[in-house]
Amino acid sequence: MPLETLLLLTTGVFVIAVLYSSVGHAGASGYIAVMSLLSLTPTFIKPTALALNILVASIATWQFFNAGHFSWRLFWPFALLAVPMAFVGGAMEVPAHLFKVLVGVVLLFSAVRFFMGATSDRLKGEPPRGVAIAAGAGLGLLSGLTGTGGGIFLTPLLLHMGWARTRVVAAVSVVFILVNSISGLLGNLASTRALPQFIGWIAIAAVVGGGIGAHLGSRRLPPVAIKRCLAVVLVVAGCKLILT
C-alpha cells in the first residue's frame, strides 16, 4: 500500500472512530466508506472493518456495562443464531461486484438512518422470542458478509418496534456488534488465514479515536449534525460502490 494511501486511511479511521463512538456506534459502515473511497479491495475491506469494529465496540461495551444499561434478556435471543451466522458470513467469499452492491446498499441504508435521526422512546413490550431469534440470524449473516456488526440494522429495529428505550438499545446493539464482529472475523480468518498488512497502524488510530469519542462525546457539533455529516460520506461511498 502506498504511504499516501496508508496515511489517508489512518486519518480517516481515526476521524470515523471519534465521530461514531461519540454517537454510540462502532463505526464499521464508516470504515468501509473510507476504504471504498480509497478504492481498496473487498479482501482488505471486510476483515479490516471487522477488526476495527471489535476494538471500538469493546470500548463502548465496557462503558455501557459500567453504566448499567445492558439487558441480557433482550440481547440473547438476537445473538443466539447471529453469532454462528456471522461466522458463516465471514467465511463466505462473495464475488467482488456482488460485494460492492451489497455493501453499497448497506451504506445507503446507514445514511438514511443517520439522516432520520432519533426515534421516540415509546415502549410496546418485549419482542416475541421466535421473531428475535430469526431476525438475529439474518442480521448475523449480513454482518459477516459485509464486514459490519449488524448494529446499524438492529438499532432501528428495536427502536421502531418499541422493544426498549434508547440507552438500552444502544447497549444491546454495541454488544451485538462486538460478538458478531468477533465471529465474523474468525470466520474470515478461517477462510483466508491472514489479516491484511498495515492493520496495526490502522488499529491504533481506531483505538485512540474510539477512546476519545467515547470519553469526551461530541463537544463541537451536536449529535444530529455529526450524524448528517457521516450520512453524506456514506451516500458518496455507497453510490461509488454501486455505480463503479
Protein backbone atom coordinates (compact mmCIF):
# COMPACT_ATOMS: atom_id res chain seq x y z
CA MET A 1 0.00 0.00 0.00
CA PRO A 2 1.41 3.43 -0.94
CA LEU A 3 2.38 5.61 2.03
CA GLU A 4 -0.03 8.34 0.98
CA THR A 5 -2.95 5.89 0.94
CA LEU A 6 -1.95 4.49 4.33
CA LEU A 7 -1.83 7.98 5.84
CA LEU A 8 -5.22 8.89 4.38
CA LEU A 9 -6.72 5.62 5.61
CA THR A 10 -5.27 6.00 9.12
CA THR A 11 -6.52 9.58 9.37
CA GLY A 12 -9.96 8.61 8.06
CA VAL A 13 -10.27 5.71 10.51
CA PHE A 14 -9.30 7.97 13.41
CA VAL A 15 -11.91 10.59 12.50
CA ILE A 16 -14.62 7.98 11.92
CA ALA A 17 -13.83 6.28 15.25
CA VAL A 18 -14.13 9.58 17.13
CA LEU A 19 -17.40 10.56 15.45
CA TYR A 20 -19.10 7.16 15.57
CA SER A 21 -18.15 6.41 19.15
CA SER A 22 -19.46 9.82 20.20
CA VAL A 23 -22.94 8.84 18.98
CA GLY A 24 -22.90 5.23 20.20
CA HIS A 25 -21.74 3.26 17.15
CA ALA A 26 -18.63 1.15 16.49
CA GLY A 27 -18.05 2.61 13.01
CA ALA A 28 -17.94 -0.32 10.56
CA SER A 29 -20.00 1.44 7.90
CA GLY A 30 -17.75 4.49 8.21
CA TYR A 31 -14.55 2.44 7.90
CA ILE A 32 -15.99 0.67 4.88
CA ALA A 33 -16.90 4.04 3.36
CA VAL A 34 -13.36 5.37 3.82
CA MET A 35 -11.77 2.22 2.40
CA SER A 36 -14.22 2.21 -0.52
CA LEU A 37 -13.40 5.84 -1.36
CA LEU A 38 -9.72 4.86 -1.42
CA SER A 39 -10.59 2.01 -3.85
CA LEU A 40 -9.31 -0.79 -1.60
CA THR A 41 -10.28 -4.37 -2.42
CA PRO A 42 -13.04 -6.39 -0.69
CA THR A 43 -10.40 -8.82 0.62
CA PHE A 44 -8.88 -5.91 2.56
CA ILE A 45 -12.11 -4.11 3.46
CA LYS A 46 -14.07 -6.91 5.17
CA PRO A 47 -11.52 -8.20 7.72
CA THR A 48 -10.20 -4.71 8.43
CA ALA A 49 -13.67 -3.31 9.14
CA LEU A 50 -14.47 -6.26 11.42
CA ALA A 51 -11.19 -5.91 13.34
CA LEU A 52 -11.66 -2.17 13.85
CA ASN A 53 -15.26 -2.77 14.89
CA ILE A 54 -14.10 -5.16 17.61
CA LEU A 55 -11.70 -2.61 19.06
CA VAL A 56 -14.13 0.31 19.19
CA ALA A 57 -17.12 -1.81 20.25
CA SER A 58 -15.06 -3.22 23.13
CA ILE A 59 -14.55 0.28 24.49
CA ALA A 60 -18.26 1.12 24.19
CA THR A 61 -19.29 -2.24 25.70
CA TRP A 62 -17.19 -1.59 28.79
CA GLN A 63 -18.80 1.82 29.26
CA PHE A 64 -22.38 0.59 28.81
CA PHE A 65 -21.83 -2.29 31.22
CA ASN A 66 -20.47 0.10 33.83
CA ALA A 67 -23.44 2.41 33.30
CA GLY A 68 -25.88 -0.47 33.89
CA HIS A 69 -27.81 -0.11 30.61
CA PHE A 70 -27.23 -3.59 29.17
CA SER A 71 -30.16 -6.06 29.10
CA TRP A 72 -29.23 -9.74 28.81
CA ARG A 73 -32.94 -10.65 28.47
CA LEU A 74 -33.23 -8.52 25.30
CA PHE A 75 -29.79 -9.40 23.95
CA TRP A 76 -29.57 -13.19 23.98
CA PRO A 77 -32.45 -14.10 21.59
CA PHE A 78 -30.99 -11.84 18.88
CA ALA A 79 -27.45 -13.11 19.49
CA LEU A 80 -28.29 -16.84 19.70
CA LEU A 81 -28.12 -17.53 15.95
CA ALA A 82 -26.49 -14.25 14.95
CA VAL A 83 -23.06 -15.31 16.22
CA PRO A 84 -22.79 -18.60 14.25
CA MET A 85 -24.35 -16.99 11.17
CA ALA A 86 -21.82 -14.15 11.36
CA PHE A 87 -19.08 -16.79 11.28
CA VAL A 88 -20.65 -18.32 8.17
CA GLY A 89 -20.96 -14.92 6.51
CA GLY A 90 -17.37 -14.02 7.37
CA ALA A 91 -16.08 -17.23 5.82
CA MET A 92 -18.02 -16.77 2.58
CA GLU A 93 -16.19 -15.30 -0.40
CA VAL A 94 -18.62 -13.01 -2.19
CA PRO A 95 -17.80 -12.03 -5.81
CA ALA A 96 -16.32 -8.53 -5.94
CA HIS A 97 -19.17 -6.98 -7.95
CA LEU A 98 -21.82 -8.50 -5.68
CA PHE A 99 -19.88 -7.42 -2.59
CA LYS A 100 -19.79 -3.84 -3.87
CA VAL A 101 -23.53 -3.72 -4.48
CA LEU A 102 -24.36 -5.38 -1.16
CA VAL A 103 -22.12 -3.09 0.85
CA GLY A 104 -23.28 -0.07 -1.16
CA VAL A 105 -26.87 -0.80 -0.16
CA VAL A 106 -25.79 -1.19 3.48
CA LEU A 107 -24.02 2.19 3.37
CA LEU A 108 -27.04 3.92 1.83
CA PHE A 109 -29.33 2.34 4.43
CA SER A 110 -26.96 3.55 7.15
CA ALA A 111 -27.04 7.06 5.67
CA VAL A 112 -30.85 7.08 5.73
CA ARG A 113 -30.80 6.07 9.39
CA PHE A 114 -28.40 8.92 10.24
CA PHE A 115 -30.48 11.46 8.31
CA MET A 116 -33.68 10.35 10.03
CA GLY A 117 -32.23 10.93 13.47
CA ALA A 118 -33.59 9.67 16.75
CA THR A 119 -36.71 7.61 17.29
CA SER A 120 -39.12 8.02 20.18
CA ASP A 121 -38.73 6.08 23.42
CA ARG A 122 -42.30 4.72 23.36
CA LEU A 123 -42.30 1.13 24.66
CA LYS A 124 -44.58 -1.56 23.22
CA GLY A 125 -43.38 -4.61 25.12
CA GLU A 126 -40.71 -7.27 24.60
CA PRO A 127 -40.06 -8.85 21.18
CA PRO A 128 -41.55 -12.30 20.50
CA ARG A 129 -38.81 -14.84 21.17
CA GLY A 130 -39.07 -16.55 17.76
CA VAL A 131 -39.05 -13.25 15.88
CA ALA A 132 -35.96 -12.07 17.76
CA ILE A 133 -34.07 -15.32 17.07
CA ALA A 134 -34.95 -15.31 13.37
CA ALA A 135 -34.09 -11.62 12.96
CA GLY A 136 -30.79 -12.16 14.73
CA ALA A 137 -29.86 -14.98 12.35
CA GLY A 138 -30.42 -12.76 9.32
CA LEU A 139 -28.55 -9.82 10.82
CA GLY A 140 -25.66 -12.08 11.80
CA LEU A 141 -25.27 -13.43 8.27
CA LEU A 142 -25.44 -9.93 6.81
CA SER A 143 -22.87 -8.63 9.29
CA GLY A 144 -20.40 -11.36 8.39
CA LEU A 145 -20.92 -10.93 4.64
CA THR A 146 -20.44 -7.18 4.65
CA GLY A 147 -17.89 -6.71 7.41
CA THR A 148 -20.26 -4.81 9.70
CA GLY A 149 -21.51 -5.80 13.14
CA GLY A 150 -25.20 -5.69 12.30
CA GLY A 151 -25.94 -2.96 14.81
CA ILE A 152 -26.90 -0.44 12.13
CA PHE A 153 -29.91 -2.71 11.44
CA LEU A 154 -30.62 -3.93 14.97
CA THR A 155 -30.79 -0.44 16.48
CA PRO A 156 -33.57 0.93 14.24
CA LEU A 157 -35.46 -2.37 14.52
CA LEU A 158 -35.51 -2.25 18.33
CA LEU A 159 -36.41 1.44 18.42
CA HIS A 160 -39.06 1.28 15.70
CA MET A 161 -40.78 -1.70 17.32
CA GLY A 162 -40.62 -0.07 20.76
CA TRP A 163 -38.89 -3.04 22.34
CA ALA A 164 -36.55 -0.99 24.58
CA ARG A 165 -35.55 2.55 25.46
CA THR A 166 -32.75 4.31 23.61
CA ARG A 167 -29.93 3.73 26.10
CA VAL A 168 -30.80 0.06 26.50
CA VAL A 169 -30.99 -0.30 22.71
CA ALA A 170 -27.56 1.32 22.37
CA ALA A 171 -26.08 -1.03 24.98
CA VAL A 172 -27.62 -4.16 23.43
CA SER A 173 -26.62 -3.07 19.92
CA VAL A 174 -22.99 -2.41 20.77
CA VAL A 175 -22.60 -5.83 22.43
CA PHE A 176 -24.38 -7.38 19.42
CA ILE A 177 -21.86 -5.60 17.19
CA LEU A 178 -18.96 -6.87 19.29
CA VAL A 179 -19.90 -10.56 19.32
CA ASN A 180 -20.86 -10.59 15.63
CA SER A 181 -17.67 -8.82 14.62
CA ILE A 182 -15.57 -11.33 16.55
CA SER A 183 -17.44 -14.24 14.99
CA GLY A 184 -17.29 -12.72 11.50
CA LEU A 185 -13.57 -12.05 11.75
CA LEU A 186 -12.89 -15.61 12.97
CA GLY A 187 -14.88 -16.93 10.03
CA ASN A 188 -12.91 -14.74 7.64
CA LEU A 189 -9.60 -15.85 9.15
CA ALA A 190 -10.67 -19.49 8.88
CA SER A 191 -11.10 -18.91 5.16
CA THR A 192 -8.17 -16.59 4.37
CA ARG A 193 -5.80 -17.44 7.27
CA ALA A 194 -4.35 -13.94 7.23
CA LEU A 195 -5.06 -10.38 8.30
CA PRO A 196 -4.33 -7.53 5.87
CA GLN A 197 -0.94 -5.87 6.12
CA PHE A 198 -0.64 -2.48 7.84
CA ILE A 199 -3.67 -3.21 10.04
CA GLY A 200 -1.61 -2.43 13.15
CA TRP A 201 -1.33 1.30 12.44
CA ILE A 202 -4.99 1.49 11.48
CA ALA A 203 -5.97 -0.34 14.67
CA ILE A 204 -4.05 2.15 16.81
CA ALA A 205 -5.91 5.01 15.11
CA ALA A 206 -9.25 3.30 15.82
CA VAL A 207 -8.44 2.67 19.49
CA VAL A 208 -7.27 6.24 20.09
CA GLY A 209 -10.16 7.74 18.17
CA GLY A 210 -12.72 5.45 19.80
CA GLY A 211 -11.37 6.26 23.24
CA ILE A 212 -11.53 9.99 22.62
CA GLY A 213 -15.04 9.86 21.17
CA ALA A 214 -16.41 7.56 23.86
CA HIS A 215 -14.87 9.58 26.71
CA LEU A 216 -15.47 13.11 25.55
CA GLY A 217 -18.50 12.71 23.30
CA SER A 218 -19.25 15.39 20.76
CA ARG A 219 -18.45 18.86 22.13
CA ARG A 220 -18.07 20.85 18.92
CA LEU A 221 -21.12 19.66 16.99
CA PRO A 222 -24.50 18.40 18.22
CA PRO A 223 -25.11 14.67 17.62
CA VAL A 224 -27.64 15.36 14.86
CA ALA A 225 -25.08 17.41 12.90
CA ILE A 226 -22.47 14.68 13.27
CA LYS A 227 -24.90 12.03 12.06
CA ARG A 228 -25.76 14.08 8.98
CA CYS A 229 -22.12 14.70 8.15
CA LEU A 230 -21.50 10.97 8.41
CA ALA A 231 -24.54 10.33 6.24
CA VAL A 232 -23.05 12.42 3.42
CA VAL A 233 -19.88 10.33 3.48
CA LEU A 234 -21.91 7.12 3.45
CA VAL A 235 -24.02 8.28 0.50
CA VAL A 236 -20.93 9.16 -1.55
CA ALA A 237 -19.22 5.86 -0.76
CA GLY A 238 -22.39 3.81 -1.29
CA CYS A 239 -23.07 5.36 -4.68
CA LYS A 240 -19.41 4.88 -5.66
CA LEU A 241 -19.62 1.16 -4.87
CA ILE A 242 -22.92 0.60 -6.65
CA LEU A 243 -22.13 2.65 -9.78
CA THR A 244 -18.48 1.65 -10.40
